[in-house]
Structures are given as C-alpha cells and as structure tokens.
Amino acid sequence: MSCRFGFGYEIGTSQNWGKDKLVITSIFANSPAERAGIKPFDIIEEVEGAPITEDALDDIYPFLNPEGKDIVELTIKNIGDGVRKEKIIKECRSLHSLSEYQLCTAFSMYATEYTHERLFSCPFVTSQTQDPVDFAEFKTFCFLKNNDNQPDLVLKISELIQKELEKKGLVYDPVNPDMMVHLHYSFTKNTNYKPKTPVRTKNEPEKNVDVYRYDMTNDRMVKMPFLPPGTLESEAEYLMKLGFRLEDRKFTVGRLLWESEINELLNESFSLEEFAIVHIPLMSLQYPYMKYGRNVQFRLSKKQYYYTGINYFIDNIAVVASVDPYSPAANAGIRPFDQLDAINDKRMDRTVKQFTASYHNFIINTLKYKDVNTRFTDANGFPDCMNWNTLQYPKIVQAFNNKKNLTAFSYLYSFAPFINPSENKACSFKLKRGKEKLEFIIHPEIRTEIMVVVD
C-alpha cells in the first residue's frame, strides 16, 4: 500500500520561515490535507507530538507515516493562525493500482485543453531581511498612502496585493499594522532606445521568442509582448516596472522585511493594470517562503477529469482493483474485481501495453485535427502539445468512436464536446461479475485541480 496526505513539501532553507522544518509547498485537490484545511507554506513542527529534528529529516517518509496509524496528528504553524494541531486521515491505495487521477495524466493528450503541465519563468528580483526575524510575528498590514486622492491604478493594484496577503492569513489593519506595504510601478519611454535590425541568414528560421505567463486570476496562459531574456535594454522602446515591499512597523520601524520587483522590456504599449493582474499573484507566491532571489521558474499543473472512484489493476487494466468509498462508482454498485468489458461501448479487453501503443498511434494520426496556433511545450519537454481545432470536432468525435483506437479511457474527458457532443454526461460500464453480465450507468463528478508552484 502507498499512503499519502496530499501535500508536497521540502526542508525549509529560509531563516525567516521554516528553517530546517518541513515547509508545505503544494496542496493537492480533493486530498486529506485540503479537507483538513492545510495551506501552502504551512510549517510542520511536530508529527504525533514528536518535533522535527535533524534525525527525523534524514528519514522523513516513515516519520510522517507512522505504522499502524490511519489518523496522524500534525502540529502546524502558519502566518495567520500561529501554531495549531490538525488530525489527518491517511489515504492509502495499492501500489498495484492506477487511480483516475493518474490515468488522466497518462492520457492527457486526449484533452490538453483540460490536463497539462507547463513551465514558465518570471524575471522577479526578490529579497528579504537578513535579520533573524520570524515572519509569523507579523499578522497585520496596511498600505502607505501619500495622500487621500489615490489614483485608480494604485487602488486596483493595492486590492490585488491585499487579496493575496489575506489569502495567506494576514489581516488588513489601517490603525495599528505590523507591516506597511509600499507599492511602486512605472511605464516609461526608454531615452536610450536604439532600434536594432535583426541579422538573420537566408536559411535560418526565425526563433520563437514568445513570452507566456499564467494569469492565476482568470485561469489562462497569456502571451505577453515582452522582449525575450538576453535583450539589451537599449533595444527596448519602453520600460515597465512593478514591485511592492513589506516594511516593519512592529519591532524595528522602517526595516525592510520582504520585497519583490519585476522589470520588463517592450517595444509596444501595455496596460499596467493587466500587468499587475498577472504578476502580483505570482510575486506573492514567494512570501513568506522565498526560494529564489532572481528569475523564478513556475510549474503550472492543471487537471480536469471525470471521477467515478474506480481504481484499476496495473497488470490487468480491465479489472477493478478497488472502489473509493461513497464515490459515484460505489454508489452505482461497482465492486472490486469486477471484470470490465467496455466503457461507453469501447472495449476494455486489452493489456496496458496495447492501450499505450494505441494511444501513441492515436496521437500521431490525429495531429492533423489540432490547432497549430495553440502549440506549446509541456513540462516534460514535448514540443507539439496542441488543443483540438474546433472546426474539426466532428472528425475528432469519429476518431474517438473508432473501436480500433482503443479509446476507452477517453471517458475521463467525456464531458468535452470533441469526445461526447451529446448532452448525456452519464457513462456506461459493462462488466462481468462471475457468470453475470451487468451494465452500470455512472454519473461521474468533474474534478478540477489547478496548481501553480515555484519549481
């Protein structure tokens, strides 16, 4: 069995947050950790009352997963609540089974619109105090106001910052704040601009210099008009800057606690408000736990799929290994060791190797139905990830319905119009149970997970 809590973590390196402790870096959707209310950047101080020590860090997995305990008590520290105790129910599955969460990643090319991983970077410059300050001591904040008539842009950017700080558990207090937030931004014409004509040989293809960032507010990748890394400042017609810093108002007034700034080069005008909407949430990901001072790389992981609660045997993918309690499949009556004949009338009597080979052939044979304007490189370095061309949906439906393509696991995305254009979102599972032949109609739930983490 493999057991999990549903969070990612690392040993803390920042003297201001989680030094030599376990810092939680990510929370998986629909996990025990999420249900327990644990959040990114929480610090694990103790497990079952035992403190995190150097010896524990040397062999952390068994320390986090004590044998014989289905419920583990963690002592958690964060910015807003201070120190608290949380009991988490471990979620355990057989190492010989595959969950639908795992399968949606394995078959992600069926629907890159809904499941993909991408990397992107931002040229942030982030710094924090070198003093041995515990950021948990600072719980409230306010904004520096130069006058009562703040420009609309200042108010909008301040709202973005306030939203991110409050998500971390900090409280807005204009009367007696622990920290003062200083905001600065600019968009100026470069007085040293010297246009440069690109030199390119006749047969040399033009390099792809597009810059993409993830807009966390609107859940989309956005193409930005920024000049690529390595561009000389003199080659940019415009200069854009945005940053904010947190200043001590509790212990040593005026002391810089944390600061992040981004500078971009452009040859066209761009909205500072849109710039802030995209970048303020990304900048804030390094507070209170800063990993990188410069050029932060982020990993976007997006998964949206149909969840029935069925787990499949790795060695015999057509057999149900287990069924999650209270899941749609359990409620419908699916049981462990049921032998699946077909899902949505697509055959299941094949091996994992046969499904994998057919999946690869399907990807190659349907590339002609992809929209080349959506091409991107995923986190694994595959350069030809593309969404389906909406004008080709009828042909794509035919490809998924072709029984030779072994697309039974496309049910994971059968809420999509290019797989199932009908309004009927139920899934048919035909199976054998002993000598009986049965059919179960399951109404799956759509599960969505979107994570952006500092990679």
Protein backbone atom coordinates (compact mmCIF):
# COMPACT_ATOMS: atom_id res chain seq x y z
CA MET A 1 0.00 0.00 0.00
CA SER A 2 1.02 3.58 -0.63
CA CYS A 3 -0.34 6.23 1.72
CA ARG A 4 -0.47 9.98 1.22
CA PHE A 5 -1.67 13.14 2.90
CA GLY A 6 -1.97 15.09 -0.32
CA PHE A 7 0.69 17.75 0.07
CA GLY A 8 4.13 18.43 -1.33
CA TYR A 9 6.88 19.60 0.99
CA GLU A 10 10.56 20.37 1.29
CA ILE A 11 13.06 21.04 4.06
CA GLY A 12 13.00 24.78 4.73
CA THR A 13 16.09 26.84 3.97
CA SER A 14 14.86 30.34 4.84
CA GLN A 15 15.86 31.66 8.25
CA ASN A 16 12.67 33.75 8.25
CA TRP A 17 10.31 30.87 7.57
CA GLY A 18 10.63 27.17 8.32
CA LYS A 19 14.40 26.80 8.65
CA ASP A 20 15.19 23.07 8.98
CA LYS A 21 11.49 22.24 9.27
CA LEU A 22 9.05 20.83 6.71
CA VAL A 23 7.53 23.60 4.60
CA ILE A 24 4.43 22.58 2.67
CA THR A 25 4.83 23.76 -0.92
CA SER A 26 1.61 22.50 -2.53
CA ILE A 27 -1.79 21.07 -1.65
CA PHE A 28 -3.49 18.56 -3.95
CA ALA A 29 -7.18 19.00 -4.64
CA ASN A 30 -9.64 16.56 -3.03
CA SER A 31 -6.90 15.33 -0.67
CA PRO A 32 -6.89 14.71 3.10
CA ALA A 33 -4.65 17.78 3.50
CA GLU A 34 -7.13 20.01 1.69
CA ARG A 35 -10.01 18.65 3.76
CA ALA A 36 -8.02 19.34 6.93
CA GLY A 37 -7.57 22.99 5.94
CA ILE A 38 -3.80 22.85 5.48
CA LYS A 39 -2.43 25.53 3.15
CA PRO A 40 0.74 26.10 1.13
CA PHE A 41 3.65 27.43 3.25
CA ASP A 42 2.32 25.94 6.45
CA ILE A 43 5.21 24.57 8.52
CA ILE A 44 5.07 21.09 10.06
CA GLU A 45 6.57 21.46 13.52
CA GLU A 46 5.69 18.06 15.00
CA VAL A 47 4.29 14.67 14.00
CA GLU A 48 2.30 12.87 16.70
CA GLY A 49 3.87 15.22 19.24
CA ALA A 50 7.44 14.41 18.16
CA PRO A 51 9.36 17.52 16.97
CA ILE A 52 11.04 17.67 13.57
CA THR A 53 14.72 17.07 14.29
CA GLU A 54 17.82 16.50 12.18
CA ASP A 55 17.47 12.74 12.71
CA ALA A 56 13.84 12.84 11.59
CA LEU A 57 14.75 14.76 8.44
CA ASP A 58 17.26 12.04 7.49
CA ASP A 59 14.41 9.54 7.07
CA ILE A 60 11.34 11.72 6.82
CA TYR A 61 8.86 9.44 5.00
CA PRO A 62 8.38 6.85 7.79
CA PHE A 63 8.42 9.70 10.32
CA LEU A 64 5.49 11.33 8.52
CA ASN A 65 3.71 8.00 8.05
CA PRO A 66 3.91 6.14 11.37
CA GLU A 67 2.92 2.48 11.01
CA GLY A 68 -0.39 1.37 12.42
CA LYS A 69 -1.91 4.87 12.39
CA ASP A 70 -4.64 5.78 9.93
CA ILE A 71 -5.02 9.21 11.52
CA VAL A 72 -1.91 11.28 12.14
CA GLU A 73 -1.77 14.45 14.24
CA LEU A 74 0.41 17.21 12.81
CA THR A 75 1.42 20.36 14.63
CA ILE A 76 1.15 23.13 12.04
CA LYS A 77 2.40 26.70 12.08
CA ASN A 78 1.31 29.42 9.66
CA ILE A 79 1.10 33.17 9.40
CA GLY A 80 -2.48 33.78 10.38
CA ASP A 81 -3.34 31.11 12.96
CA GLY A 82 0.01 30.67 14.65
CA VAL A 83 0.50 27.09 15.90
CA ARG A 84 -2.33 24.58 15.79
CA LYS A 85 -2.86 20.82 15.66
CA GLU A 86 -4.57 19.05 12.76
CA LYS A 87 -5.57 15.40 12.51
CA ILE A 88 -5.28 14.00 9.00
CA ILE A 89 -6.69 10.71 7.75
CA LYS A 90 -4.14 8.98 5.56
CA GLU A 91 -5.37 7.99 2.11
CA CYS A 92 -3.95 4.59 1.14
CA ARG A 93 -4.10 2.64 -2.12
CA SER A 94 -2.47 -0.47 -3.50
CA LEU A 95 0.83 0.09 -5.28
CA HIS A 96 -0.51 -2.23 -7.98
CA SER A 97 -3.43 0.02 -8.93
CA LEU A 98 -3.96 3.13 -11.03
CA SER A 99 -6.34 5.89 -9.98
CA GLU A 100 -8.28 8.09 -12.37
CA TYR A 101 -6.09 10.97 -11.19
CA GLN A 102 -3.06 9.08 -12.52
CA LEU A 103 -4.82 7.99 -15.70
CA CYS A 104 -5.94 11.48 -16.64
CA THR A 105 -2.25 12.44 -16.72
CA ALA A 106 -1.33 9.31 -18.69
CA PHE A 107 -3.98 10.11 -21.32
CA SER A 108 -3.62 13.90 -21.21
CA MET A 109 -3.15 14.19 -24.99
CA TYR A 110 -6.79 13.26 -25.37
CA ALA A 111 -7.60 16.69 -23.98
CA THR A 112 -4.70 19.10 -23.43
CA GLU A 113 -7.38 21.77 -23.00
CA TYR A 114 -8.14 20.25 -19.60
CA THR A 115 -4.99 18.44 -18.46
CA HIS A 116 -1.42 19.65 -18.92
CA GLU A 117 1.74 20.74 -17.15
CA ARG A 118 3.72 23.77 -18.28
CA LEU A 119 6.77 25.65 -17.11
CA PHE A 120 7.19 29.39 -17.33
CA SER A 121 9.54 31.89 -15.73
CA CYS A 122 9.39 35.47 -14.48
CA PRO A 123 12.40 37.79 -14.00
CA PHE A 124 11.48 38.63 -10.42
CA VAL A 125 14.07 40.10 -8.09
CA THR A 126 13.06 39.10 -4.56
CA SER A 127 14.83 39.83 -1.29
CA GLN A 128 14.16 39.62 2.43
CA THR A 129 15.72 40.79 5.64
CA GLN A 130 18.93 39.18 6.78
CA ASP A 131 17.89 39.68 10.40
CA PRO A 132 16.71 36.54 12.27
CA VAL A 133 13.08 37.60 12.04
CA ASP A 134 10.18 35.13 12.20
CA PHE A 135 7.56 36.25 9.69
CA ALA A 136 4.90 34.58 11.85
CA GLU A 137 5.25 37.58 14.21
CA PHE A 138 3.72 39.85 11.55
CA LYS A 139 -0.01 39.28 11.20
CA THR A 140 -1.48 42.61 10.04
CA PHE A 141 -0.73 45.09 7.27
CA CYS A 142 -1.72 48.41 5.77
CA PHE A 143 -0.78 50.43 2.69
CA LEU A 144 1.35 53.55 2.61
CA LYS A 145 -0.75 56.48 1.42
CA ASN A 146 0.92 59.60 0.13
CA ASN A 147 -2.40 61.46 0.00
CA ASP A 148 -6.12 60.82 0.26
CA ASN A 149 -6.70 61.03 -3.50
CA GLN A 150 -5.05 57.83 -4.68
CA PRO A 151 -5.04 57.18 -8.46
CA ASP A 152 -7.41 54.43 -9.58
CA LEU A 153 -4.46 52.30 -10.68
CA VAL A 154 -2.93 52.44 -7.19
CA LEU A 155 -6.24 51.37 -5.68
CA LYS A 156 -6.62 48.47 -8.12
CA ILE A 157 -3.08 47.18 -7.59
CA SER A 158 -3.47 47.59 -3.83
CA GLU A 159 -6.65 45.49 -3.99
CA LEU A 160 -4.70 42.75 -5.76
CA ILE A 161 -1.96 42.77 -3.12
CA GLN A 162 -4.48 42.86 -0.27
CA LYS A 163 -6.30 39.84 -1.72
CA GLU A 164 -3.07 37.81 -1.91
CA LEU A 165 -1.94 38.73 1.61
CA GLU A 166 -5.35 37.92 3.07
CA LYS A 167 -5.29 34.51 1.35
CA LYS A 168 -2.15 33.82 3.37
CA GLY A 169 -3.96 34.61 6.61
CA LEU A 170 -2.82 38.20 7.12
CA VAL A 171 -5.34 40.81 8.26
CA TYR A 172 -5.78 44.33 6.89
CA ASP A 173 -5.44 46.83 9.78
CA PRO A 174 -5.21 50.52 8.85
CA VAL A 175 -4.92 51.59 12.52
CA ASN A 176 -2.04 49.61 14.00
CA PRO A 177 -0.44 47.43 11.31
CA ASP A 178 2.54 45.13 11.87
CA MET A 179 3.69 45.85 8.29
CA MET A 180 3.40 48.71 5.84
CA VAL A 181 3.04 47.86 2.15
CA HIS A 182 4.91 50.13 -0.26
CA LEU A 183 3.90 49.94 -3.91
CA HIS A 184 5.82 51.27 -6.92
CA TYR A 185 5.33 50.99 -10.67
CA SER A 186 6.23 52.78 -13.88
CA PHE A 187 5.84 52.59 -17.64
CA THR A 188 8.27 54.90 -19.42
CA LYS A 189 9.72 55.52 -22.84
CA ASN A 190 13.35 54.43 -22.97
CA THR A 191 15.52 57.51 -23.58
CA ASN A 192 18.43 55.23 -24.57
CA TYR A 193 16.42 53.30 -27.16
CA LYS A 194 18.40 52.37 -30.26
CA PRO A 195 16.43 50.27 -32.77
CA LYS A 196 18.34 47.23 -33.97
CA THR A 197 17.67 45.42 -37.21
CA PRO A 198 17.83 41.66 -36.60
CA VAL A 199 20.53 39.94 -38.64
CA ARG A 200 19.45 36.56 -39.96
CA THR A 201 20.87 34.30 -42.63
CA LYS A 202 18.67 33.37 -45.56
CA ASN A 203 18.01 29.79 -44.45
CA GLU A 204 17.88 30.41 -40.72
CA PRO A 205 14.32 30.16 -39.34
CA GLU A 206 13.05 32.92 -37.12
CA LYS A 207 13.33 31.91 -33.49
CA ASN A 208 10.23 31.64 -31.33
CA VAL A 209 10.57 34.47 -28.83
CA ASP A 210 7.04 34.47 -27.46
CA VAL A 211 6.79 35.05 -23.71
CA TYR A 212 3.94 33.37 -21.83
CA ARG A 213 2.79 33.85 -18.24
CA TYR A 214 -0.05 32.25 -16.33
CA ASP A 215 -2.89 34.52 -15.29
CA MET A 216 -3.98 32.99 -11.98
CA THR A 217 -6.93 35.36 -11.65
CA ASN A 218 -8.54 34.30 -14.93
CA ASP A 219 -7.03 30.79 -15.26
CA ARG A 220 -5.32 31.20 -18.63
CA MET A 221 -1.92 31.32 -20.22
CA VAL A 222 -1.33 34.81 -21.60
CA LYS A 223 1.04 35.75 -24.39
CA MET A 224 2.96 38.83 -23.27
CA PRO A 225 4.57 41.44 -25.55
CA PHE A 226 7.84 41.35 -23.60
CA LEU A 227 11.21 41.10 -25.29
CA PRO A 228 12.96 37.77 -24.64
CA PRO A 229 15.61 37.25 -21.96
CA GLY A 230 19.03 38.46 -23.04
CA THR A 231 17.72 41.50 -24.90
CA LEU A 232 19.79 44.63 -24.31
CA GLU A 233 17.91 47.43 -22.59
CA SER A 234 18.88 49.81 -25.40
CA GLU A 235 16.85 47.64 -27.82
CA ALA A 236 13.59 48.24 -25.91
CA GLU A 237 11.42 51.22 -26.74
CA TYR A 238 9.57 51.01 -23.41
CA LEU A 239 10.50 50.04 -19.84
CA MET A 240 7.97 48.64 -17.39
CA LYS A 241 8.45 48.16 -13.65
CA LEU A 242 6.24 46.84 -10.86
CA GLY A 243 7.06 45.98 -7.27
CA PHE A 244 5.99 46.09 -3.67
CA ARG A 245 7.71 45.67 -0.35
CA LEU A 246 6.69 44.87 3.21
CA GLU A 247 8.18 47.16 5.84
CA ASP A 248 8.43 46.52 9.59
CA ARG A 249 6.08 48.62 11.72
CA LYS A 250 6.11 46.38 14.80
CA PHE A 251 9.68 45.94 16.04
CA THR A 252 12.20 47.97 14.04
CA VAL A 253 10.21 50.66 12.25
CA GLY A 254 11.23 51.10 8.64
CA ARG A 255 13.15 47.81 8.36
CA LEU A 256 12.68 46.02 5.05
CA LEU A 257 11.14 42.60 5.66
CA TRP A 258 10.44 41.37 2.13
CA GLU A 259 10.38 42.86 -1.37
CA SER A 260 9.75 41.70 -4.94
CA GLU A 261 10.12 43.58 -8.20
CA ILE A 262 9.84 42.84 -11.90
CA ASN A 263 11.29 44.81 -14.83
CA GLU A 264 10.28 44.15 -18.44
CA LEU A 265 11.40 45.44 -21.84
CA LEU A 266 8.79 46.18 -24.52
CA ASN A 267 8.51 47.67 -27.99
CA GLU A 268 4.79 48.41 -27.67
CA SER A 269 2.43 49.86 -25.13
CA PHE A 270 0.89 47.63 -22.49
CA SER A 271 -1.64 48.05 -19.67
CA LEU A 272 -0.08 48.36 -16.22
CA GLU A 273 -3.32 47.10 -14.70
CA GLU A 274 -3.24 43.91 -16.79
CA PHE A 275 0.47 43.59 -15.98
CA ALA A 276 -0.37 43.72 -12.26
CA ILE A 277 -3.31 41.28 -12.54
CA VAL A 278 -0.97 38.64 -13.99
CA HIS A 279 2.13 39.26 -11.88
CA ILE A 280 1.04 40.27 -8.35
CA PRO A 281 -0.28 36.75 -7.53
CA LEU A 282 2.92 35.19 -8.92
CA MET A 283 5.18 37.58 -6.99
CA SER A 284 3.25 36.82 -3.80
CA LEU A 285 3.99 33.08 -4.06
CA GLN A 286 7.43 33.73 -2.56
CA TYR A 287 6.06 35.17 0.68
CA PRO A 288 6.63 34.09 3.40
CA TYR A 289 8.84 31.33 1.96
CA MET A 290 11.40 32.70 -0.51
CA LYS A 291 13.30 30.14 -2.57
CA TYR A 292 14.90 32.24 -5.31
CA GLY A 293 16.24 35.76 -5.39
CA ARG A 294 16.14 36.03 -9.19
CA ASN A 295 14.41 34.56 -12.24
CA VAL A 296 11.77 32.34 -10.67
CA GLN A 297 10.55 29.31 -12.61
CA PHE A 298 6.96 28.22 -12.03
CA ARG A 299 5.20 24.95 -12.74
CA LEU A 300 1.55 25.06 -13.75
CA SER A 301 -0.28 21.78 -13.29
CA LYS A 302 -3.87 21.60 -14.47
CA LYS A 303 -6.09 18.54 -14.28
CA GLN A 304 -9.79 18.38 -15.04
CA TYR A 305 -11.36 14.97 -15.47
CA TYR A 306 -14.32 12.73 -14.75
CA TYR A 307 -14.07 11.00 -11.40
CA THR A 308 -16.00 7.79 -10.77
CA GLY A 309 -13.83 6.42 -7.94
CA ILE A 310 -12.65 3.31 -9.81
CA ASN A 311 -9.02 2.21 -9.43
CA TYR A 312 -7.61 -0.23 -11.98
CA PHE A 313 -5.04 -3.00 -11.62
CA ILE A 314 -1.76 -2.08 -13.34
CA ASP A 315 -1.13 -5.65 -14.53
CA ASN A 316 -4.70 -6.15 -15.73
CA ILE A 317 -6.20 -2.81 -16.59
CA ALA A 318 -9.64 -4.29 -17.30
CA VAL A 319 -10.10 -5.41 -13.68
CA VAL A 320 -11.32 -3.12 -10.90
CA ALA A 321 -8.70 -3.07 -8.14
CA SER A 322 -10.75 -1.04 -5.68
CA VAL A 323 -13.55 1.48 -5.49
CA ASP A 324 -13.33 4.64 -3.39
CA PRO A 325 -15.96 4.68 -0.62
CA TYR A 326 -19.01 6.92 -1.28
CA SER A 327 -17.80 7.60 -4.86
CA PRO A 328 -20.15 7.64 -7.89
CA ALA A 329 -18.95 4.12 -8.82
CA ALA A 330 -19.53 2.82 -5.29
CA ASN A 331 -23.00 4.36 -5.22
CA ALA A 332 -23.78 2.77 -8.60
CA GLY A 333 -22.75 -0.68 -7.33
CA ILE A 334 -19.31 -1.29 -8.91
CA ARG A 335 -17.21 -3.70 -6.83
CA PRO A 336 -13.54 -4.69 -6.60
CA PHE A 337 -12.53 -7.47 -9.02
CA ASP A 338 -15.34 -6.69 -11.46
CA GLN A 339 -14.11 -7.55 -14.98
CA LEU A 340 -14.77 -4.61 -17.32
CA ASP A 341 -15.84 -5.45 -20.87
CA ALA A 342 -16.47 -1.93 -22.17
CA ILE A 343 -16.70 1.69 -21.09
CA ASN A 344 -19.15 3.72 -23.17
CA ASP A 345 -19.18 0.76 -25.62
CA LYS A 346 -15.39 0.99 -26.09
CA ARG A 347 -13.69 -2.32 -25.42
CA MET A 348 -11.51 -2.94 -22.40
CA ASP A 349 -10.18 -6.43 -23.18
CA ARG A 350 -6.62 -5.27 -23.85
CA THR A 351 -3.35 -5.03 -21.91
CA VAL A 352 -1.69 -1.87 -20.64
CA LYS A 353 0.92 -2.19 -23.41
CA GLN A 354 -1.78 -2.42 -26.07
CA PHE A 355 -3.62 0.60 -24.68
CA THR A 356 -0.34 2.56 -24.57
CA ALA A 357 0.66 1.66 -28.13
CA SER A 358 -2.79 2.51 -29.46
CA TYR A 359 -2.73 5.82 -27.56
CA HIS A 360 0.58 6.79 -29.19
CA ASN A 361 -0.77 5.92 -32.63
CA PHE A 362 -3.91 7.91 -31.93
CA ILE A 363 -1.83 11.00 -31.08
CA ILE A 364 0.17 10.71 -34.33
CA ASN A 365 -2.83 10.01 -36.56
CA THR A 366 -4.92 12.88 -35.20
CA LEU A 367 -2.29 15.63 -35.27
CA LYS A 368 -3.96 16.94 -38.43
CA TYR A 369 -7.01 17.83 -36.32
CA LYS A 370 -5.03 20.01 -33.90
CA ASP A 371 -4.93 23.80 -33.86
CA VAL A 372 -1.29 24.77 -34.54
CA ASN A 373 -1.94 28.23 -33.09
CA THR A 374 -2.27 26.64 -29.65
CA ARG A 375 1.06 24.76 -29.77
CA PHE A 376 3.09 24.73 -26.56
CA THR A 377 5.87 22.72 -24.95
CA ASP A 378 4.82 20.85 -21.82
CA ALA A 379 6.81 20.42 -18.61
CA ASN A 380 8.30 17.17 -19.93
CA GLY A 381 9.73 18.93 -22.99
CA PHE A 382 7.23 17.61 -25.56
CA PRO A 383 7.03 20.48 -28.09
CA ASP A 384 3.85 19.62 -30.00
CA CYS A 385 1.13 19.89 -27.38
CA MET A 386 -1.91 21.42 -29.06
CA ASN A 387 -5.61 21.80 -28.42
CA TRP A 388 -8.17 20.45 -30.85
CA ASN A 389 -9.27 22.59 -33.76
CA THR A 390 -12.90 23.46 -33.03
CA LEU A 391 -13.75 23.23 -36.75
CA GLN A 392 -12.64 19.59 -36.74
CA TYR A 393 -14.78 18.42 -33.82
CA PRO A 394 -17.00 16.07 -35.93
CA LYS A 395 -13.92 14.22 -37.27
CA ILE A 396 -12.38 14.11 -33.81
CA VAL A 397 -15.55 12.51 -32.41
CA GLN A 398 -15.32 9.88 -35.15
CA ALA A 399 -11.68 9.16 -34.21
CA PHE A 400 -12.62 8.66 -30.57
CA ASN A 401 -15.51 6.39 -31.53
CA ASN A 402 -13.34 4.23 -33.83
CA LYS A 403 -13.03 0.98 -31.85
CA LYS A 404 -9.62 0.27 -33.41
CA ASN A 405 -8.21 3.25 -31.48
CA LEU A 406 -8.90 1.69 -28.05
CA THR A 407 -10.07 4.97 -26.53
CA ALA A 408 -11.99 3.53 -23.57
CA PHE A 409 -10.19 5.86 -21.19
CA SER A 410 -11.42 8.89 -23.09
CA TYR A 411 -14.37 8.61 -20.69
CA LEU A 412 -12.16 10.65 -18.35
CA TYR A 413 -12.88 13.61 -20.64
CA SER A 414 -16.32 12.69 -21.97
CA PHE A 415 -17.70 15.98 -20.69
CA ALA A 416 -15.79 17.58 -23.60
CA PRO A 417 -17.69 18.31 -26.86
CA PHE A 418 -14.92 16.80 -29.02
CA ILE A 419 -15.45 13.42 -27.32
CA ASN A 420 -19.12 13.44 -26.40
CA PRO A 421 -21.14 16.10 -28.22
CA SER A 422 -24.42 14.92 -26.68
CA GLU A 423 -25.86 16.39 -23.52
CA ASN A 424 -25.88 12.97 -21.83
CA LYS A 425 -22.94 13.04 -19.42
CA ALA A 426 -23.56 9.60 -17.86
CA CYS A 427 -21.04 6.80 -18.51
CA SER A 428 -21.86 3.18 -19.26
CA PHE A 429 -19.73 0.45 -17.65
CA LYS A 430 -20.37 -3.08 -18.96
CA LEU A 431 -18.77 -5.83 -16.91
CA LYS A 432 -18.70 -9.44 -15.83
CA ARG A 433 -19.16 -10.44 -12.22
CA GLY A 434 -18.68 -14.17 -12.04
CA LYS A 435 -21.06 -15.58 -14.64
CA GLU A 436 -23.23 -12.47 -14.67
CA LYS A 437 -23.08 -9.79 -17.35
CA LEU A 438 -24.04 -6.41 -15.96
CA GLU A 439 -24.25 -2.80 -17.05
CA PHE A 440 -23.95 0.15 -14.67
CA ILE A 441 -24.74 3.75 -15.52
CA ILE A 442 -22.48 6.08 -13.55
CA HIS A 443 -22.84 9.84 -13.23
CA PRO A 444 -19.24 10.98 -12.66
CA GLU A 445 -18.26 14.21 -10.98
CA ILE A 446 -15.88 16.64 -12.65
CA ARG A 447 -12.75 17.11 -10.56
CA THR A 448 -10.54 20.12 -11.14
CA GLU A 449 -7.07 20.80 -9.81
CA ILE A 450 -5.01 23.85 -10.72
CA MET A 451 -1.66 24.32 -9.00
CA VAL A 452 1.00 26.93 -9.59
CA VAL A 453 4.14 26.37 -7.57
CA VAL A 454 7.68 27.67 -7.52
CA ASP A 455 9.52 24.86 -9.27
